């Protein structure tokens, strides 16, 4: 359950410029989206039918939904892998340098889609140079401790995902 003060309804321009925002769909034809500013530009990472595709979204009003600002990413340490020795699959989360990224498909200037890290969180304590850790299970959460709610979960070990708020 969400309190009224924990969300608004809108499109990409209303997403919080200071952190990670989760957009939940209002219609069955829409999909959940993570909106990030960590890489210096506003980027949408699709988590539904266009799973793990990403694109700059700027001030586009093409998608609308429930905007939940201040969400965080939690990783399951049991799904840890070394992205230096294993390919990081689309949708995996990687901790490297001073940030946390998701591996997503993103089109380049020639409209060719390729896998690349999309920054979700920046400003973390730096990792050792050329060191990283990948995770195949992660979730989007809101709140802490007893107040924590899981808004979306990804499990690439079984290729499943779960949307919805739980207590």
Protein backbone atom coordinates (compact mmCIF):
# COMPACT_ATOMS: atom_id res chain seq x y z
CA UNK A 1 0.00 0.00 0.00
CA UNK A 2 1.13 3.54 -0.72
CA UNK A 3 0.31 6.68 1.21
CA UNK A 4 -1.01 9.62 -0.83
CA UNK A 5 2.12 11.67 -0.13
CA UNK A 6 4.39 8.93 -1.51
CA UNK A 7 3.37 9.30 -5.15
CA UNK A 8 2.05 11.62 -7.79
CA UNK A 9 0.54 10.99 -11.22
CA UNK A 10 2.28 12.32 -14.28
CA UNK A 11 4.84 11.71 -17.02
CA UNK A 12 8.61 11.94 -17.45
CA UNK A 13 8.89 15.72 -16.79
CA UNK A 14 7.47 15.25 -13.28
CA UNK A 15 10.00 12.55 -12.32
CA UNK A 16 12.27 13.50 -9.41
CA UNK A 17 15.53 14.96 -10.72
CA UNK A 18 17.36 14.07 -7.49
CA UNK A 19 17.09 10.30 -7.54
CA UNK A 20 15.47 7.19 -8.86
CA UNK A 21 11.76 7.20 -9.69
CA UNK A 22 9.50 4.21 -10.36
CA UNK A 23 6.63 4.73 -12.80
CA UNK A 24 3.85 2.18 -12.35
CA UNK A 25 1.37 1.76 -15.22
CA UNK A 26 -2.26 2.80 -14.98
CA UNK A 27 -3.35 0.67 -17.94
CA UNK A 28 -2.68 -2.93 -18.88
CA UNK A 29 -1.10 -1.78 -22.16
CA UNK A 30 1.58 0.19 -20.27
CA UNK A 31 4.56 -1.16 -18.36
CA UNK A 32 6.63 -0.36 -15.25
CA UNK A 33 9.56 1.99 -15.88
CA UNK A 34 12.55 3.08 -13.80
CA UNK A 35 13.51 6.71 -14.44
CA UNK A 36 17.07 7.68 -13.55
CA UNK A 37 19.19 10.83 -13.65
CA UNK A 38 22.36 9.24 -12.25
CA UNK A 39 24.23 9.36 -15.57
CA UNK A 40 23.58 13.07 -16.10
CA UNK A 41 20.53 12.75 -18.34
CA UNK A 42 17.00 11.51 -17.76
CA UNK A 43 16.79 7.88 -18.94
CA UNK A 44 13.83 5.48 -18.88
CA UNK A 45 14.50 1.77 -18.31
CA UNK A 46 11.52 -0.36 -19.31
CA UNK A 47 10.74 -3.36 -17.10
CA UNK A 48 7.65 -4.85 -18.79
CA UNK A 49 7.00 -5.92 -22.39
CA UNK A 50 10.06 -3.95 -23.61
CA UNK A 51 12.09 -5.56 -20.85
CA UNK A 52 15.47 -3.94 -20.17
CA UNK A 53 15.33 -1.50 -23.08
CA UNK A 54 16.43 2.02 -22.18
CA UNK A 55 16.24 5.40 -23.88
CA UNK A 56 16.70 9.05 -23.00
CA UNK A 57 13.28 10.40 -22.10
CA UNK A 58 13.89 14.11 -21.50
CA UNK A 59 10.60 15.89 -21.05
CA UNK A 60 8.53 13.51 -23.15
CA UNK A 61 4.93 13.16 -22.06
CA UNK A 62 4.38 9.99 -24.11
CA UNK A 63 4.15 7.74 -21.03
CA UNK A 64 2.08 8.51 -17.95
CA UNK A 65 1.61 6.67 -14.70
CA UNK A 66 2.02 6.62 -10.95
CA UNK A 67 5.36 8.29 -10.10
CA UNK A 68 7.04 7.09 -6.91
CA UNK A 69 10.18 9.13 -6.17
CA UNK A 70 12.97 8.18 -3.80
CA UNK A 71 12.96 4.46 -4.55
CA UNK A 72 16.08 2.39 -3.99
CA UNK A 73 17.60 -0.75 -5.46
CA UNK A 74 18.31 -3.74 -3.22
CA UNK A 75 20.40 -6.63 -4.51
CA UNK A 76 20.35 -10.26 -3.44
CA UNK A 77 23.92 -11.19 -2.54
CA UNK A 78 23.03 -14.83 -3.21
CA UNK A 79 22.82 -13.98 -6.94
CA UNK A 80 26.31 -12.45 -7.04
CA UNK A 81 28.50 -13.04 -10.12
CA UNK A 82 31.73 -11.61 -11.52
CA UNK A 83 30.95 -9.55 -14.66
CA UNK A 84 34.65 -9.56 -15.55
CA UNK A 85 34.46 -13.33 -16.22
CA UNK A 86 30.78 -13.86 -17.09
CA UNK A 87 28.60 -11.89 -19.47
CA UNK A 88 26.22 -9.66 -17.56
CA UNK A 89 22.75 -10.51 -18.91
CA UNK A 90 20.23 -7.79 -19.77
CA UNK A 91 18.45 -6.75 -16.58
CA UNK A 92 21.31 -7.59 -14.25
CA UNK A 93 22.54 -4.92 -11.86
CA UNK A 94 26.27 -4.17 -11.62
CA UNK A 95 28.14 -2.32 -8.86
CA UNK A 96 31.30 -0.70 -10.24
CA UNK A 97 33.27 2.51 -9.73
CA UNK A 98 31.06 4.72 -7.53
CA UNK A 99 27.68 3.58 -8.79
CA UNK A 100 25.07 0.96 -9.50
CA UNK A 101 23.96 0.32 -13.08
CA UNK A 102 21.52 -1.90 -14.93
CA UNK A 103 22.59 -3.70 -18.10
CA UNK A 104 20.11 -2.54 -20.74
CA UNK A 105 19.62 -2.36 -24.49
CA UNK A 106 20.12 1.19 -25.70
CA UNK A 107 20.13 2.56 -29.26
CA UNK A 108 23.18 4.50 -30.38
CA UNK A 109 23.31 7.44 -32.83
CA UNK A 110 22.90 5.02 -35.76
CA UNK A 111 19.83 3.36 -34.21
CA UNK A 112 21.78 0.18 -33.51
CA UNK A 113 20.78 -1.39 -30.22
CA UNK A 114 23.54 -2.66 -27.96
CA UNK A 115 23.89 -3.72 -24.34
CA UNK A 116 25.39 -1.11 -22.06
CA UNK A 117 25.32 -0.11 -18.41
CA UNK A 118 22.73 2.54 -17.54
CA UNK A 119 23.52 4.36 -14.31
CA UNK A 120 20.84 3.98 -11.63
CA UNK A 121 22.68 5.31 -8.58
CA UNK A 122 25.82 7.47 -8.41
CA UNK A 123 27.93 8.88 -5.59
CA UNK A 124 28.47 5.59 -3.74
CA UNK A 125 31.76 4.68 -2.10
CA UNK A 126 34.16 3.85 -4.94
CA UNK A 127 35.02 0.25 -5.73
CA UNK A 128 38.59 -0.81 -6.32
CA UNK A 129 39.78 0.08 -9.83
CA UNK A 130 38.66 -2.49 -12.45
CA UNK A 131 36.58 -4.33 -9.86
CA UNK A 132 32.87 -4.95 -10.11
CA UNK A 133 30.10 -7.22 -8.87
CA UNK A 134 26.97 -8.27 -10.73
CA UNK A 135 23.61 -9.41 -9.37
CA UNK A 136 20.92 -11.47 -11.08
CA UNK A 137 18.28 -10.84 -8.39
CA UNK A 138 17.29 -7.35 -7.31
CA UNK A 139 14.28 -5.31 -6.32
CA UNK A 140 12.95 -1.76 -6.27
CA UNK A 141 11.97 -0.76 -2.73
CA UNK A 142 10.42 2.22 -0.98
CA UNK A 143 11.04 2.92 2.70
CA UNK A 144 13.17 1.22 5.36
CA UNK A 145 12.80 -1.59 7.91
CA UNK A 146 9.15 -2.21 8.85
CA UNK A 147 8.05 0.54 6.45
CA UNK A 148 9.78 -1.07 3.45
CA UNK A 149 7.64 -2.05 0.45
CA UNK A 150 8.80 -4.01 -2.59
CA UNK A 151 7.48 -2.28 -5.71
CA UNK A 152 9.11 -4.51 -8.31
CA UNK A 153 11.40 -7.54 -8.20
CA UNK A 154 13.62 -9.19 -10.84
CA UNK A 155 15.00 -12.71 -10.67
CA UNK A 156 17.16 -13.56 -13.69
CA UNK A 157 18.11 -16.90 -12.12
CA UNK A 158 14.59 -18.13 -12.94
CA UNK A 159 13.82 -15.47 -15.58
CA UNK A 160 10.88 -14.10 -13.58
CA UNK A 161 9.80 -10.70 -12.44
CA UNK A 162 7.13 -9.49 -10.07
CA UNK A 163 5.35 -6.18 -10.01
CA UNK A 164 3.27 -5.01 -7.14
CA UNK A 165 3.46 -3.52 -3.70
CA UNK A 166 3.99 -5.87 -0.78
CA UNK A 167 4.44 -5.27 2.93
